[in-house]
Amino acid sequence: MIVGLQTDVPCKRAMMPNGGWRMVEQAIKEAGKEPDPEIKKIFTKYRKTHNDGVFGVYTKNIKIARHNKILTGLPDAYGRGRIIGDYRRVALYGVNKLIAFKKRDKDSIPYRNDFTEPEIEHWIRFREEHDEQIKALKQLINLGNEYGLDLTRPAQTAQEAVQWTYMGYLPPSSPRTAPQCPSAVTPRSSMSSSNATSRPARLPRPMLRSSSTTSS
């Protein structure tokens, strides 16, 4: 029913430990099972997860602030700088509308002759990133066409809503979340930016003139 949304057998839950091993291990134990020792060894000894990278650069004060929930009341995934795409927008708006949003955002900051050097760098990066997102959305349309899915328009049924959302989610997540089943559809193209499906009117962050910044 939903292209690509399957593992090697129906109703089997996929394990995706790149985001952090502890969450995976907890979910497995809650299901009354024990994780494969070899996989655990890989993701605790050899493979650096996202969590490992984040906590490896945290300072002592940042860890204290995080522990006491001073900086944010949101869960860790949202509160510490992860880019989390809202793939529902593919189903809600259709990709043509998302492209129109991104083109509008790309031109939302006009060039000024009085830009400082950091501001020029920010302006160039801002336009370049939006250009990459527009290209990625066009690739998503092509990906849908390969499987007879018209992602240019909003989803019109519940089945299309799930399919459109999953098609938006899968490319930027590959090969991390590539389908496991040999008969599953594995996309031949990839999104160049997972941020292409983020909120339509995303404005750039303010220019920072100070010599250093602190991130949560």
N, C-alpha and C. Protein backbone atom coordinates (compact mmCIF):
# COMPACT_ATOMS: atom_id res chain seq x y z
N MET A 1 0.83 -1.22 0.00
CA MET A 1 0.00 0.00 0.00
C MET A 1 0.86 1.26 0.00
N ILE A 2 1.95 1.26 0.81
CA ILE A 2 2.83 2.42 0.89
C ILE A 2 4.20 2.02 0.36
N VAL A 3 4.59 2.58 -0.75
CA VAL A 3 5.87 2.23 -1.38
C VAL A 3 7.03 2.52 -0.43
N GLY A 4 7.85 1.49 -0.19
CA GLY A 4 9.06 1.67 0.60
C GLY A 4 8.88 1.52 2.10
N LEU A 5 7.66 1.60 2.59
CA LEU A 5 7.44 1.58 4.04
C LEU A 5 7.32 0.13 4.52
N GLN A 6 8.48 -0.55 4.60
CA GLN A 6 8.46 -1.95 5.00
C GLN A 6 9.86 -2.40 5.41
N THR A 7 9.90 -3.44 6.21
CA THR A 7 11.16 -4.10 6.54
C THR A 7 11.16 -5.44 5.82
N ASP A 8 11.97 -6.41 6.27
CA ASP A 8 12.05 -7.68 5.54
C ASP A 8 10.81 -8.55 5.73
N VAL A 9 10.04 -8.28 6.80
CA VAL A 9 8.76 -8.97 6.98
C VAL A 9 7.74 -7.94 7.47
N PRO A 10 6.45 -8.16 7.22
CA PRO A 10 5.42 -7.20 7.65
C PRO A 10 5.42 -7.00 9.16
N CYS A 11 5.10 -5.79 9.57
CA CYS A 11 4.92 -5.42 10.98
C CYS A 11 6.21 -5.55 11.80
N LYS A 12 7.35 -5.63 11.16
CA LYS A 12 8.61 -5.68 11.88
C LYS A 12 9.14 -4.27 12.05
N ARG A 13 9.58 -3.96 13.26
CA ARG A 13 10.07 -2.61 13.55
C ARG A 13 11.56 -2.51 13.21
N ALA A 14 11.92 -1.49 12.45
CA ALA A 14 13.32 -1.31 12.06
C ALA A 14 14.12 -0.69 13.19
N MET A 15 15.39 -1.07 13.29
CA MET A 15 16.27 -0.49 14.29
C MET A 15 17.20 0.51 13.62
N MET A 16 17.24 1.75 14.14
CA MET A 16 18.05 2.80 13.55
C MET A 16 18.89 3.47 14.64
N PRO A 17 20.05 2.92 14.94
CA PRO A 17 20.81 3.36 16.12
C PRO A 17 21.72 4.56 15.90
N ASN A 18 21.76 5.12 14.69
CA ASN A 18 22.69 6.24 14.46
C ASN A 18 22.37 7.46 15.32
N GLY A 19 21.12 7.61 15.71
CA GLY A 19 20.75 8.75 16.54
C GLY A 19 21.19 8.62 17.98
N GLY A 20 21.43 7.41 18.43
CA GLY A 20 21.85 7.18 19.82
C GLY A 20 21.51 5.75 20.23
N TRP A 21 22.48 5.05 20.80
CA TRP A 21 22.28 3.64 21.12
C TRP A 21 21.37 3.43 22.32
N ARG A 22 21.44 4.28 23.33
CA ARG A 22 20.67 4.06 24.56
C ARG A 22 19.17 4.00 24.29
N MET A 23 18.69 4.86 23.41
CA MET A 23 17.26 4.87 23.09
C MET A 23 16.85 3.56 22.41
N VAL A 24 17.71 3.07 21.51
CA VAL A 24 17.44 1.81 20.82
C VAL A 24 17.42 0.65 21.82
N GLU A 25 18.43 0.61 22.69
CA GLU A 25 18.52 -0.47 23.66
C GLU A 25 17.32 -0.47 24.59
N GLN A 26 16.87 0.69 25.01
CA GLN A 26 15.72 0.80 25.89
C GLN A 26 14.46 0.27 25.20
N ALA A 27 14.28 0.62 23.92
CA ALA A 27 13.10 0.17 23.18
C ALA A 27 13.09 -1.34 23.01
N ILE A 28 14.27 -1.92 22.77
CA ILE A 28 14.36 -3.37 22.62
C ILE A 28 14.01 -4.07 23.93
N LYS A 29 14.53 -3.56 25.04
CA LYS A 29 14.26 -4.18 26.34
C LYS A 29 12.80 -4.02 26.74
N GLU A 30 12.18 -2.89 26.36
CA GLU A 30 10.76 -2.70 26.65
C GLU A 30 9.90 -3.71 25.90
N ALA A 31 10.42 -4.20 24.77
CA ALA A 31 9.70 -5.22 24.00
C ALA A 31 9.99 -6.62 24.52
N GLY A 32 10.73 -6.72 25.66
CA GLY A 32 11.02 -8.00 26.25
C GLY A 32 12.14 -8.76 25.57
N LYS A 33 13.01 -8.06 24.87
CA LYS A 33 14.11 -8.72 24.16
C LYS A 33 15.44 -8.12 24.60
N GLU A 34 16.51 -8.73 24.15
CA GLU A 34 17.86 -8.23 24.43
C GLU A 34 18.52 -7.86 23.11
N PRO A 35 19.26 -6.75 23.06
CA PRO A 35 19.92 -6.35 21.82
C PRO A 35 21.04 -7.31 21.44
N ASP A 36 21.27 -7.42 20.16
CA ASP A 36 22.37 -8.26 19.65
C ASP A 36 23.69 -7.72 20.21
N PRO A 37 24.48 -8.54 20.90
CA PRO A 37 25.73 -8.06 21.50
C PRO A 37 26.70 -7.46 20.47
N GLU A 38 26.73 -8.03 19.27
CA GLU A 38 27.66 -7.54 18.26
C GLU A 38 27.25 -6.14 17.77
N ILE A 39 25.94 -5.93 17.60
CA ILE A 39 25.47 -4.60 17.19
C ILE A 39 25.73 -3.59 18.29
N LYS A 40 25.50 -4.01 19.54
CA LYS A 40 25.77 -3.12 20.67
C LYS A 40 27.25 -2.73 20.71
N LYS A 41 28.11 -3.69 20.45
CA LYS A 41 29.55 -3.43 20.45
C LYS A 41 29.91 -2.41 19.37
N ILE A 42 29.29 -2.55 18.20
CA ILE A 42 29.58 -1.64 17.09
C ILE A 42 29.19 -0.21 17.46
N PHE A 43 28.02 -0.04 18.07
CA PHE A 43 27.50 1.30 18.31
C PHE A 43 27.89 1.87 19.67
N THR A 44 28.69 1.13 20.43
CA THR A 44 29.22 1.69 21.68
C THR A 44 30.75 1.77 21.66
N LYS A 45 31.36 1.06 20.70
CA LYS A 45 32.83 1.04 20.65
C LYS A 45 33.38 1.65 19.36
N TYR A 46 32.79 1.29 18.22
CA TYR A 46 33.37 1.68 16.94
C TYR A 46 32.65 2.84 16.26
N ARG A 47 31.35 2.94 16.42
CA ARG A 47 30.55 3.91 15.67
C ARG A 47 30.14 5.07 16.55
N LYS A 48 30.51 6.28 16.16
CA LYS A 48 30.09 7.46 16.92
C LYS A 48 28.67 7.83 16.52
N THR A 49 27.78 7.92 17.50
CA THR A 49 26.41 8.33 17.24
C THR A 49 26.28 9.84 17.35
N HIS A 50 25.09 10.33 17.00
CA HIS A 50 24.83 11.77 17.12
C HIS A 50 25.01 12.23 18.56
N ASN A 51 24.48 11.44 19.50
CA ASN A 51 24.61 11.78 20.92
C ASN A 51 26.07 11.89 21.34
N ASP A 52 26.88 10.93 20.88
CA ASP A 52 28.30 10.96 21.24
C ASP A 52 28.95 12.25 20.76
N GLY A 53 28.62 12.65 19.53
CA GLY A 53 29.20 13.86 18.98
C GLY A 53 28.79 15.10 19.75
N VAL A 54 27.50 15.16 20.12
CA VAL A 54 26.99 16.33 20.84
C VAL A 54 27.61 16.44 22.23
N PHE A 55 27.58 15.36 22.97
CA PHE A 55 28.08 15.41 24.34
C PHE A 55 29.60 15.52 24.39
N GLY A 56 30.26 15.13 23.31
CA GLY A 56 31.70 15.26 23.26
C GLY A 56 32.18 16.70 23.21
N VAL A 57 31.34 17.61 22.72
CA VAL A 57 31.74 19.01 22.61
C VAL A 57 31.08 19.89 23.67
N TYR A 58 30.12 19.35 24.43
CA TYR A 58 29.49 20.13 25.49
C TYR A 58 30.54 20.53 26.55
N THR A 59 30.45 21.77 27.00
CA THR A 59 31.28 22.20 28.12
C THR A 59 30.59 21.81 29.42
N LYS A 60 31.29 21.97 30.53
CA LYS A 60 30.73 21.62 31.83
C LYS A 60 29.50 22.48 32.12
N ASN A 61 29.58 23.77 31.82
CA ASN A 61 28.45 24.67 32.09
C ASN A 61 27.24 24.34 31.22
N ILE A 62 27.49 23.97 29.96
CA ILE A 62 26.38 23.60 29.09
C ILE A 62 25.68 22.35 29.63
N LYS A 63 26.46 21.38 30.09
CA LYS A 63 25.87 20.17 30.65
C LYS A 63 25.03 20.48 31.89
N ILE A 64 25.53 21.40 32.73
CA ILE A 64 24.77 21.78 33.93
C ILE A 64 23.47 22.48 33.53
N ALA A 65 23.56 23.39 32.54
CA ALA A 65 22.36 24.10 32.10
C ALA A 65 21.36 23.13 31.49
N ARG A 66 21.84 22.17 30.72
CA ARG A 66 20.95 21.18 30.12
C ARG A 66 20.29 20.33 31.20
N HIS A 67 21.08 19.88 32.18
CA HIS A 67 20.54 19.02 33.24
C HIS A 67 19.45 19.73 34.03
N ASN A 68 19.62 21.03 34.23
CA ASN A 68 18.63 21.80 35.00
C ASN A 68 17.56 22.43 34.13
N LYS A 69 17.58 22.10 32.82
CA LYS A 69 16.55 22.57 31.88
C LYS A 69 16.42 24.09 31.87
N ILE A 70 17.57 24.76 31.94
CA ILE A 70 17.56 26.23 31.95
C ILE A 70 17.33 26.79 30.54
N LEU A 71 17.94 26.16 29.55
CA LEU A 71 17.92 26.72 28.20
C LEU A 71 16.65 26.43 27.44
N THR A 72 16.01 25.31 27.70
CA THR A 72 14.82 24.96 26.94
C THR A 72 13.99 23.94 27.70
N GLY A 73 12.70 23.99 27.48
CA GLY A 73 11.82 22.99 28.05
C GLY A 73 11.49 21.91 27.05
N LEU A 74 12.05 22.01 25.83
CA LEU A 74 11.78 21.03 24.80
C LEU A 74 12.64 19.79 24.99
N PRO A 75 12.22 18.67 24.41
CA PRO A 75 13.07 17.47 24.46
C PRO A 75 14.42 17.72 23.81
N ASP A 76 15.38 16.90 24.16
CA ASP A 76 16.74 17.07 23.64
C ASP A 76 16.78 17.18 22.13
N ALA A 77 16.02 16.33 21.45
CA ALA A 77 16.10 16.29 20.00
C ALA A 77 15.81 17.65 19.38
N TYR A 78 14.91 18.42 19.99
CA TYR A 78 14.55 19.72 19.44
C TYR A 78 15.35 20.86 20.07
N GLY A 79 15.85 20.63 21.27
CA GLY A 79 16.42 21.73 22.02
C GLY A 79 17.91 21.96 21.84
N ARG A 80 18.60 21.11 21.09
CA ARG A 80 20.04 21.28 21.03
C ARG A 80 20.58 21.39 19.61
N GLY A 81 19.74 21.80 18.67
CA GLY A 81 20.26 22.16 17.36
C GLY A 81 20.10 21.13 16.27
N ARG A 82 19.38 20.06 16.51
CA ARG A 82 19.14 19.11 15.42
C ARG A 82 18.21 19.75 14.38
N ILE A 83 18.45 19.43 13.12
CA ILE A 83 17.52 19.84 12.07
C ILE A 83 16.50 18.71 11.90
N ILE A 84 15.26 18.99 12.20
CA ILE A 84 14.21 17.99 12.11
C ILE A 84 13.20 18.46 11.06
N GLY A 85 13.19 17.79 9.93
CA GLY A 85 12.31 18.20 8.84
C GLY A 85 10.86 17.91 9.15
N ASP A 86 9.96 18.78 8.67
CA ASP A 86 8.53 18.56 8.82
C ASP A 86 8.03 18.00 7.49
N TYR A 87 8.12 16.69 7.33
CA TYR A 87 7.82 16.06 6.04
C TYR A 87 6.33 16.03 5.74
N ARG A 88 5.50 16.38 6.71
CA ARG A 88 4.06 16.47 6.44
C ARG A 88 3.76 17.53 5.39
N ARG A 89 4.65 18.46 5.22
CA ARG A 89 4.39 19.57 4.29
C ARG A 89 4.30 19.10 2.84
N VAL A 90 4.97 17.99 2.53
CA VAL A 90 4.84 17.43 1.18
C VAL A 90 3.38 17.04 0.93
N ALA A 91 2.76 16.39 1.93
CA ALA A 91 1.37 15.98 1.78
C ALA A 91 0.40 17.16 1.88
N LEU A 92 0.72 18.12 2.73
CA LEU A 92 -0.20 19.24 2.96
C LEU A 92 -0.22 20.24 1.80
N TYR A 93 0.94 20.53 1.24
CA TYR A 93 1.04 21.57 0.23
C TYR A 93 1.31 21.06 -1.17
N GLY A 94 1.99 19.92 -1.30
CA GLY A 94 2.51 19.50 -2.59
C GLY A 94 3.84 20.18 -2.84
N VAL A 95 4.72 19.52 -3.61
CA VAL A 95 6.09 20.01 -3.75
C VAL A 95 6.15 21.31 -4.55
N ASN A 96 5.24 21.50 -5.51
CA ASN A 96 5.27 22.76 -6.28
C ASN A 96 5.10 23.97 -5.36
N LYS A 97 4.22 23.84 -4.39
CA LYS A 97 4.00 24.95 -3.45
C LYS A 97 5.22 25.15 -2.56
N LEU A 98 5.86 24.05 -2.15
CA LEU A 98 7.06 24.17 -1.32
C LEU A 98 8.19 24.86 -2.09
N ILE A 99 8.29 24.56 -3.39
CA ILE A 99 9.29 25.23 -4.23
C ILE A 99 9.00 26.72 -4.30
N ALA A 100 7.71 27.07 -4.45
CA ALA A 100 7.33 28.49 -4.50
C ALA A 100 7.69 29.18 -3.19
N PHE A 101 7.45 28.50 -2.06
CA PHE A 101 7.82 29.06 -0.76
C PHE A 101 9.32 29.32 -0.69
N LYS A 102 10.13 28.34 -1.15
CA LYS A 102 11.57 28.46 -1.07
C LYS A 102 12.10 29.55 -1.99
N LYS A 103 11.51 29.71 -3.16
CA LYS A 103 11.92 30.79 -4.07
C LYS A 103 11.63 32.16 -3.43
N ARG A 104 10.49 32.25 -2.77
CA ARG A 104 10.15 33.50 -2.08
C ARG A 104 11.15 33.78 -0.96
N ASP A 105 11.47 32.74 -0.18
CA ASP A 105 12.42 32.92 0.93
C ASP A 105 13.80 33.29 0.42
N LYS A 106 14.20 32.70 -0.70
CA LYS A 106 15.53 32.97 -1.25
C LYS A 106 15.71 34.44 -1.57
N ASP A 107 14.63 35.08 -2.04
CA ASP A 107 14.70 36.49 -2.42
C ASP A 107 14.22 37.43 -1.32
N SER A 108 14.03 36.88 -0.11
CA SER A 108 13.45 37.69 0.97
C SER A 108 14.44 38.69 1.54
N ILE A 109 15.74 38.49 1.30
CA ILE A 109 16.75 39.42 1.80
C ILE A 109 17.46 40.06 0.60
N PRO A 110 17.15 41.29 0.27
CA PRO A 110 17.82 41.93 -0.86
C PRO A 110 19.26 42.29 -0.51
N TYR A 111 20.08 42.33 -1.53
CA TYR A 111 21.49 42.70 -1.32
C TYR A 111 21.58 44.20 -1.08
N ARG A 112 22.45 44.59 -0.14
CA ARG A 112 22.65 46.02 0.15
C ARG A 112 24.14 46.34 0.02
N ASN A 113 24.42 47.52 -0.45
CA ASN A 113 25.81 47.94 -0.65
C ASN A 113 26.54 48.16 0.67
N ASP A 114 25.79 48.34 1.76
CA ASP A 114 26.43 48.60 3.04
C ASP A 114 26.64 47.34 3.86
N PHE A 115 26.48 46.17 3.24
CA PHE A 115 26.74 44.92 3.96
C PHE A 115 28.19 44.87 4.42
N THR A 116 28.39 44.41 5.65
CA THR A 116 29.74 44.13 6.11
C THR A 116 30.19 42.79 5.53
N GLU A 117 31.45 42.48 5.70
CA GLU A 117 31.96 41.21 5.14
C GLU A 117 31.24 40.00 5.73
N PRO A 118 31.02 39.92 7.08
CA PRO A 118 30.26 38.78 7.61
C PRO A 118 28.84 38.72 7.07
N GLU A 119 28.22 39.88 6.88
CA GLU A 119 26.86 39.90 6.36
C GLU A 119 26.80 39.42 4.92
N ILE A 120 27.79 39.77 4.13
CA ILE A 120 27.85 39.29 2.74
C ILE A 120 27.99 37.77 2.72
N GLU A 121 28.86 37.26 3.60
CA GLU A 121 29.07 35.81 3.67
C GLU A 121 27.76 35.11 4.05
N HIS A 122 27.05 35.68 5.02
CA HIS A 122 25.78 35.11 5.45
C HIS A 122 24.76 35.17 4.31
N TRP A 123 24.71 36.28 3.59
CA TRP A 123 23.76 36.46 2.48
C TRP A 123 24.03 35.44 1.38
N ILE A 124 25.29 35.23 1.05
CA ILE A 124 25.64 34.26 0.01
C ILE A 124 25.25 32.85 0.45
N ARG A 125 25.59 32.50 1.70
CA ARG A 125 25.27 31.17 2.20
C ARG A 125 23.76 30.95 2.24
N PHE A 126 23.03 31.98 2.66
CA PHE A 126 21.57 31.90 2.74
C PHE A 126 20.98 31.59 1.37
N ARG A 127 21.41 32.30 0.32
CA ARG A 127 20.88 32.07 -1.02
C ARG A 127 21.32 30.72 -1.58
N GLU A 128 22.56 30.34 -1.30
CA GLU A 128 23.06 29.07 -1.80
C GLU A 128 22.30 27.90 -1.18
N GLU A 129 22.04 27.97 0.13
CA GLU A 129 21.32 26.89 0.79
C GLU A 129 19.90 26.77 0.25
N HIS A 130 19.24 27.90 0.01
CA HIS A 130 17.89 27.84 -0.55
C HIS A 130 17.90 27.29 -1.97
N ASP A 131 18.94 27.64 -2.74
CA ASP A 131 19.05 27.11 -4.09
C ASP A 131 19.19 25.59 -4.06
N GLU A 132 19.98 25.07 -3.12
CA GLU A 132 20.15 23.63 -2.98
C GLU A 132 18.83 22.97 -2.56
N GLN A 133 18.08 23.63 -1.69
CA GLN A 133 16.80 23.08 -1.25
C GLN A 133 15.81 23.02 -2.40
N ILE A 134 15.81 24.03 -3.26
CA ILE A 134 14.92 24.03 -4.43
C ILE A 134 15.28 22.88 -5.36
N LYS A 135 16.58 22.68 -5.59
CA LYS A 135 17.02 21.56 -6.42
C LYS A 135 16.59 20.23 -5.81
N ALA A 136 16.70 20.12 -4.49
CA ALA A 136 16.32 18.88 -3.81
C ALA A 136 14.84 18.60 -3.97
N LEU A 137 14.02 19.63 -3.87
CA LEU A 137 12.58 19.45 -4.03
C LEU A 137 12.23 19.02 -5.45
N LYS A 138 12.95 19.54 -6.43
CA LYS A 138 12.74 19.10 -7.81
C LYS A 138 13.13 17.64 -7.99
N GLN A 139 14.20 17.23 -7.29
CA GLN A 139 14.58 15.81 -7.32
C GLN A 139 13.50 14.94 -6.70
N LEU A 140 12.84 15.48 -5.66
CA LEU A 140 11.77 14.73 -5.01
C LEU A 140 10.61 14.50 -5.98
N ILE A 141 10.30 15.50 -6.80
CA ILE A 141 9.25 15.33 -7.82
C ILE A 141 9.64 14.21 -8.77
N ASN A 142 10.91 14.21 -9.22
CA ASN A 142 11.38 13.16 -10.12
C ASN A 142 11.30 11.78 -9.48
N LEU A 143 11.64 11.72 -8.19
CA LEU A 143 11.57 10.46 -7.46
C LEU A 143 10.14 9.94 -7.44
N GLY A 144 9.19 10.82 -7.18
CA GLY A 144 7.79 10.41 -7.19
C GLY A 144 7.35 9.93 -8.56
N ASN A 145 7.81 10.61 -9.61
CA ASN A 145 7.44 10.22 -10.97
C ASN A 145 7.89 8.81 -11.30
N GLU A 146 9.04 8.39 -10.73
CA GLU A 146 9.54 7.05 -11.00
C GLU A 146 8.56 5.98 -10.54
N TYR A 147 7.74 6.30 -9.56
CA TYR A 147 6.81 5.32 -9.00
C TYR A 147 5.36 5.73 -9.22
N GLY A 148 5.13 6.62 -10.20
CA GLY A 148 3.77 7.01 -10.55
C GLY A 148 3.08 7.86 -9.51
N LEU A 149 3.84 8.61 -8.73
CA LEU A 149 3.28 9.45 -7.66
C LEU A 149 3.43 10.92 -8.04
N ASP A 150 2.33 11.64 -8.07
CA ASP A 150 2.37 13.06 -8.42
C ASP A 150 2.54 13.90 -7.16
N LEU A 151 3.78 14.05 -6.73
CA LEU A 151 4.06 14.77 -5.49
C LEU A 151 3.97 16.28 -5.67
N THR A 152 3.72 16.75 -6.89
CA THR A 152 3.62 18.20 -7.09
C THR A 152 2.38 18.77 -6.42
N ARG A 153 1.38 17.96 -6.22
CA ARG A 153 0.11 18.42 -5.65
C ARG A 153 -0.06 17.89 -4.23
N PRO A 154 -0.97 18.48 -3.44
CA PRO A 154 -1.23 17.95 -2.10
C PRO A 154 -1.85 16.56 -2.17
N ALA A 155 -1.67 15.79 -1.12
CA ALA A 155 -2.30 14.47 -1.04
C ALA A 155 -3.81 14.63 -0.95
N GLN A 156 -4.54 13.69 -1.55
CA GLN A 156 -6.00 13.79 -1.61
C GLN A 156 -6.70 12.67 -0.85
N THR A 157 -5.97 11.64 -0.44
CA THR A 157 -6.55 10.54 0.33
C THR A 157 -5.63 10.23 1.50
N ALA A 158 -6.13 9.42 2.43
CA ALA A 158 -5.30 9.03 3.57
C ALA A 158 -4.08 8.24 3.11
N GLN A 159 -4.28 7.35 2.14
CA GLN A 159 -3.16 6.57 1.62
C GLN A 159 -2.11 7.48 0.99
N GLU A 160 -2.55 8.47 0.21
CA GLU A 160 -1.62 9.41 -0.40
C GLU A 160 -0.92 10.25 0.66
N ALA A 161 -1.62 10.61 1.72
CA ALA A 161 -1.01 11.43 2.76
C ALA A 161 0.17 10.70 3.40
N VAL A 162 -0.01 9.40 3.69
CA VAL A 162 1.08 8.62 4.27
C VAL A 162 2.20 8.45 3.24
N GLN A 163 1.83 8.16 1.99
CA GLN A 163 2.84 7.93 0.95
C GLN A 163 3.63 9.19 0.65
N TRP A 164 2.96 10.33 0.53
CA TRP A 164 3.63 11.60 0.25
C TRP A 164 4.61 11.94 1.39
N THR A 165 4.14 11.75 2.63
CA THR A 165 4.98 12.06 3.79
C THR A 165 6.21 11.17 3.81
N TYR A 166 6.01 9.89 3.53
CA TYR A 166 7.13 8.95 3.56
C TYR A 166 8.12 9.24 2.43
N MET A 167 7.64 9.61 1.26
CA MET A 167 8.54 9.94 0.15
C MET A 167 9.36 11.19 0.48
N GLY A 168 8.77 12.12 1.21
CA GLY A 168 9.52 13.30 1.63
C GLY A 168 10.58 12.96 2.67
N TYR A 169 10.27 11.99 3.53
CA TYR A 169 11.18 11.61 4.61
C TYR A 169 12.34 10.75 4.15
N LEU A 170 12.06 9.83 3.21
CA LEU A 170 13.03 8.79 2.89
C LEU A 170 14.33 9.29 2.24
N PRO A 171 14.29 10.13 1.20
CA PRO A 171 15.54 10.48 0.51
C PRO A 171 16.60 11.13 1.38
N PRO A 172 16.28 12.16 2.20
CA PRO A 172 17.34 12.75 3.01
C PRO A 172 17.84 11.83 4.11
N SER A 173 17.09 10.77 4.40
CA SER A 173 17.48 9.85 5.46
C SER A 173 18.29 8.67 4.93
N SER A 174 18.37 8.50 3.64
CA SER A 174 19.10 7.37 3.06
C SER A 174 20.59 7.63 3.14
N PRO A 175 21.46 6.57 3.27
CA PRO A 175 21.04 5.17 3.35
C PRO A 175 20.68 4.71 4.76
N ARG A 176 20.63 5.66 5.69
CA ARG A 176 20.37 5.31 7.10
C ARG A 176 19.05 4.58 7.25
N THR A 177 18.03 4.97 6.46
CA THR A 177 16.71 4.36 6.61
C THR A 177 16.27 3.70 5.32
N ALA A 178 17.21 3.23 4.51
CA ALA A 178 16.84 2.56 3.26
C ALA A 178 16.00 1.33 3.57
N PRO A 179 15.00 1.03 2.73
CA PRO A 179 14.16 -0.14 2.98
C PRO A 179 14.98 -1.42 3.11
N GLN A 180 14.56 -2.31 3.98
CA GLN A 180 15.29 -3.53 4.25
C GLN A 180 14.88 -4.68 3.32
N CYS A 181 13.67 -4.63 2.81
CA CYS A 181 13.15 -5.75 2.03
C CYS A 181 13.65 -5.69 0.59
N PRO A 182 14.08 -6.83 0.01
CA PRO A 182 14.55 -6.81 -1.37
C PRO A 182 13.49 -6.31 -2.34
N SER A 183 12.22 -6.52 -2.02
CA SER A 183 11.17 -6.07 -2.93
C SER A 183 10.77 -4.63 -2.68
N ALA A 184 11.34 -4.01 -1.64
CA ALA A 184 10.99 -2.62 -1.33
C ALA A 184 11.63 -1.69 -2.34
N VAL A 185 11.03 -0.53 -2.49
CA VAL A 185 11.54 0.44 -3.45
C VAL A 185 12.65 1.24 -2.81
N THR A 186 13.83 1.22 -3.38
CA THR A 186 14.94 2.02 -2.90
C THR A 186 15.18 3.15 -3.89
N PRO A 187 15.05 4.40 -3.49
CA PRO A 187 15.18 5.51 -4.43
C PRO A 187 16.56 5.57 -5.04
N ARG A 188 16.61 5.93 -6.33
CA ARG A 188 17.88 6.03 -7.02
C ARG A 188 18.48 7.42 -6.91
N SER A 189 17.69 8.38 -6.50
CA SER A 189 18.21 9.72 -6.31
C SER A 189 18.14 10.07 -4.84
N SER A 190 18.82 11.15 -4.46
CA SER A 190 18.82 11.54 -3.05
C SER A 190 18.62 13.04 -2.94
N MET A 191 18.03 13.43 -1.82
CA MET A 191 17.85 14.86 -1.57
C MET A 191 19.17 15.45 -1.15
N SER A 192 19.46 16.65 -1.64
CA SER A 192 20.72 17.28 -1.25
C SER A 192 20.60 18.02 0.06
N SER A 193 19.36 18.20 0.55
CA SER A 193 19.20 18.88 1.83
C SER A 193 17.91 18.43 2.48
N SER A 194 18.02 17.92 3.70
CA SER A 194 16.81 17.50 4.41
C SER A 194 15.99 18.68 4.86
N ASN A 195 16.55 19.86 4.77
CA ASN A 195 15.86 21.05 5.23
C ASN A 195 14.87 21.57 4.20
N ALA A 196 14.81 20.93 3.03
CA ALA A 196 13.96 21.43 1.95
C ALA A 196 12.49 21.34 2.31
N THR A 197 12.12 20.47 3.25
CA THR A 197 10.72 20.33 3.62
C THR A 197 10.42 21.01 4.94
N SER A 198 11.28 21.90 5.38
CA SER A 198 11.03 22.61 6.63
C SER A 198 9.97 23.68 6.41
N ARG A 199 9.65 24.42 7.43
CA ARG A 199 8.53 25.35 7.36
C ARG A 199 8.69 26.31 6.18
N PRO A 200 7.60 26.68 5.50
CA PRO A 200 7.67 27.45 4.27
C PRO A 200 8.37 28.79 4.41
N ALA A 201 8.08 29.54 5.43
CA ALA A 201 8.61 30.90 5.54
C ALA A 201 9.73 30.95 6.56
N ARG A 202 10.79 30.25 6.30
CA ARG A 202 11.89 30.22 7.25
C ARG A 202 12.81 31.39 7.01
N LEU A 203 12.92 32.29 7.98
CA LEU A 203 13.76 33.45 7.85
C LEU A 203 15.15 33.16 8.39
N PRO A 204 16.16 33.83 7.88
CA PRO A 204 17.52 33.58 8.35
C PRO A 204 17.69 34.03 9.78
N ARG A 205 18.65 33.41 10.46
CA ARG A 205 18.94 33.84 11.82
C ARG A 205 19.60 35.21 11.78
N PRO A 206 19.46 36.02 12.83
CA PRO A 206 20.03 37.37 12.83
C PRO A 206 21.54 37.35 12.65
N MET A 207 22.05 38.39 12.02
CA MET A 207 23.50 38.52 11.87
C MET A 207 24.13 38.67 13.25
N LEU A 208 25.19 37.95 13.49
CA LEU A 208 25.89 38.03 14.77
C LEU A 208 27.20 38.78 14.58
N ARG A 209 27.34 39.90 15.22
CA ARG A 209 28.53 40.73 15.05
C ARG A 209 29.60 40.46 16.10
N SER A 210 29.22 39.73 17.17
CA SER A 210 30.19 39.48 18.22
C SER A 210 31.23 38.49 17.74
N SER A 211 32.34 38.43 18.46
CA SER A 211 33.44 37.58 18.04
C SER A 211 33.20 36.12 18.36
N SER A 212 32.27 35.83 19.29
CA SER A 212 32.01 34.44 19.65
C SER A 212 30.54 34.30 20.01
N THR A 213 30.04 33.07 19.84
CA THR A 213 28.64 32.78 20.18
C THR A 213 28.60 31.52 21.01
N THR A 214 27.52 31.36 21.74
CA THR A 214 27.33 30.16 22.56
C THR A 214 26.10 29.44 22.08
N SER A 215 26.22 28.17 21.83
CA SER A 215 25.10 27.39 21.34
C SER A 215 24.65 26.41 22.39
N SER A 216 23.34 26.20 22.43
CA SER A 216 22.79 25.20 23.35
C SER A 216 22.88 23.81 22.77
